[in-house]
Amino acid sequence: MIQPYRVGFIGGSINSAVGRTHKIAIELDSQFSLVSGCFSPDKDENEATSIAYQVDPSRVYSNHIKFLESEINKIDLVVILTPTTLHKHHVIDALSYGYKVVCEKALSCNLKEAIEI
């Protein structure tokens, strides 16, 4: 049996409709498994999300840089689910650590940011 791709989320907490939607979507065909993330900068929301999404609390991080540094070689891709105004920053950071990136909705706020990415 082929192992599912290991996925980490930046953003997409339980208080985010897009987060719940992507959590459901990656589980539809058993090809992906959410195993880590920095779901929210809010500690309580992050913890509640790890419980709701059944993610090991030791793999849930208080900020996206700690997440990216700690999950090297532990996940196959990062899904960016933050507000569009934060996408450029999060995408560039994830790419700089060597991750494959899936970015929800608009990649950036404008052409200039897209070119920077």
Protein backbone atom coordinates (compact mmCIF):
# COMPACT_ATOMS: atom_id res chain seq x y z
CA MET A 1 0.00 0.00 0.00
CA ILE A 2 1.27 3.48 -0.87
CA GLN A 3 1.72 5.79 2.10
CA PRO A 4 -0.30 9.02 1.96
CA TYR A 5 1.49 12.32 1.44
CA ARG A 6 2.21 13.95 4.80
CA VAL A 7 0.70 17.44 4.90
CA GLY A 8 1.22 20.42 7.18
CA PHE A 9 -1.05 23.47 7.32
CA ILE A 10 -0.12 27.08 7.90
CA GLY A 11 -3.43 28.61 8.95
CA GLY A 12 -6.72 26.80 8.56
CA SER A 13 -7.77 26.53 12.19
CA ILE A 14 -11.13 25.17 13.28
CA ASN A 15 -12.44 28.74 13.29
CA SER A 16 -11.70 28.96 9.58
CA ALA A 17 -14.21 27.63 7.07
CA VAL A 18 -11.44 27.18 4.53
CA GLY A 19 -9.41 25.15 7.04
CA ARG A 20 -12.20 22.68 7.68
CA THR A 21 -12.88 22.45 3.95
CA HIS A 22 -9.27 21.62 3.14
CA LYS A 23 -9.04 19.15 6.01
CA ILE A 24 -12.05 17.30 4.59
CA ALA A 25 -10.77 17.56 1.00
CA ILE A 26 -7.36 16.03 1.70
CA GLU A 27 -9.00 13.02 3.32
CA LEU A 28 -11.40 12.20 0.48
CA ASP A 29 -9.15 9.75 -1.35
CA SER A 30 -6.75 8.72 1.45
CA GLN A 31 -3.80 10.03 -0.56
CA PHE A 32 -3.02 12.80 1.95
CA SER A 33 -2.82 12.95 5.72
CA LEU A 34 -2.71 16.10 7.87
CA VAL A 35 0.10 15.46 10.36
CA SER A 36 1.26 18.89 11.56
CA GLY A 37 0.72 22.61 11.42
CA CYS A 38 0.66 26.11 12.74
CA PHE A 39 -3.07 26.59 12.52
CA SER A 40 -3.38 29.87 14.39
CA PRO A 41 -1.19 32.34 16.29
CA ASP A 42 -3.70 31.95 19.15
CA LYS A 43 -2.47 29.21 21.53
CA ASP A 44 -5.93 28.00 22.58
CA GLU A 45 -7.21 27.93 18.99
CA ASN A 46 -4.09 26.04 17.89
CA GLU A 47 -4.61 23.43 20.62
CA ALA A 48 -8.33 23.08 19.90
CA THR A 49 -7.54 22.61 16.21
CA SER A 50 -5.02 19.85 16.92
CA ILE A 51 -7.70 17.99 18.87
CA ALA A 52 -10.42 18.53 16.27
CA TYR A 53 -8.12 17.58 13.37
CA GLN A 54 -6.55 14.71 15.34
CA VAL A 55 -3.01 16.07 14.92
CA ASP A 56 -0.40 15.09 17.52
CA PRO A 57 -0.04 18.17 19.77
CA SER A 58 3.75 17.81 19.68
CA ARG A 59 3.58 18.64 15.96
CA VAL A 60 1.54 21.82 16.35
CA TYR A 61 3.58 25.01 16.48
CA SER A 62 3.08 28.52 17.83
CA ASN A 63 4.41 30.19 14.69
CA HIS A 64 5.04 29.22 11.10
CA ILE A 65 8.85 29.53 11.30
CA LYS A 66 9.05 27.02 14.19
CA PHE A 67 6.74 24.79 12.16
CA LEU A 68 8.89 25.03 9.02
CA GLU A 69 12.14 24.46 10.92
CA SER A 70 10.81 21.51 12.93
CA GLU A 71 9.02 19.63 10.15
CA ILE A 72 11.89 19.41 7.63
CA ASN A 73 11.91 15.83 6.23
CA LYS A 74 8.79 15.01 8.26
CA ILE A 75 6.17 16.30 5.81
CA ASP A 76 5.83 16.21 2.03
CA LEU A 77 4.09 19.53 1.47
CA VAL A 78 2.76 22.66 3.12
CA VAL A 79 -0.71 24.04 2.48
CA ILE A 80 -1.04 27.79 3.01
CA LEU A 81 -4.50 28.66 4.38
CA THR A 82 -3.90 32.10 5.84
CA PRO A 83 -5.51 35.35 4.69
CA THR A 84 -4.35 36.39 1.22
CA THR A 85 -2.47 39.37 2.63
CA LEU A 86 -0.10 36.91 4.37
CA HIS A 87 0.37 34.49 1.46
CA LYS A 88 3.49 36.07 -0.04
CA HIS A 89 5.33 35.92 3.28
CA HIS A 90 4.26 32.35 4.10
CA VAL A 91 4.84 30.98 0.59
CA ILE A 92 8.33 32.49 0.33
CA ASP A 93 9.26 31.21 3.80
CA ALA A 94 8.04 27.67 3.01
CA LEU A 95 9.85 27.63 -0.33
CA SER A 96 13.04 28.91 1.28
CA TYR A 97 13.01 25.85 3.56
CA GLY A 98 12.60 23.60 0.52
CA TYR A 99 8.96 22.64 0.92
CA LYS A 100 6.50 21.94 -1.87
CA VAL A 101 3.66 24.42 -1.43
CA VAL A 102 -0.05 24.44 -2.17
CA CYS A 103 -1.55 27.89 -1.72
CA GLU A 104 -5.30 28.24 -1.20
CA LYS A 105 -7.21 30.83 -3.26
CA ALA A 106 -5.16 33.74 -4.61
CA LEU A 107 -1.41 33.21 -4.55
CA SER A 108 -0.85 36.86 -3.72
CA CYS A 109 -2.55 40.24 -3.51
CA ASN A 110 -1.08 41.57 -6.74
CA LEU A 111 1.27 40.88 -9.64
CA LYS A 112 4.27 42.43 -7.85
CA GLU A 113 3.94 39.95 -4.97
CA ALA A 114 3.43 37.04 -7.36
CA ILE A 115 6.64 37.96 -9.18
CA GLU A 116 8.49 38.16 -5.84
CA ILE A 117 7.32 34.64 -5.01
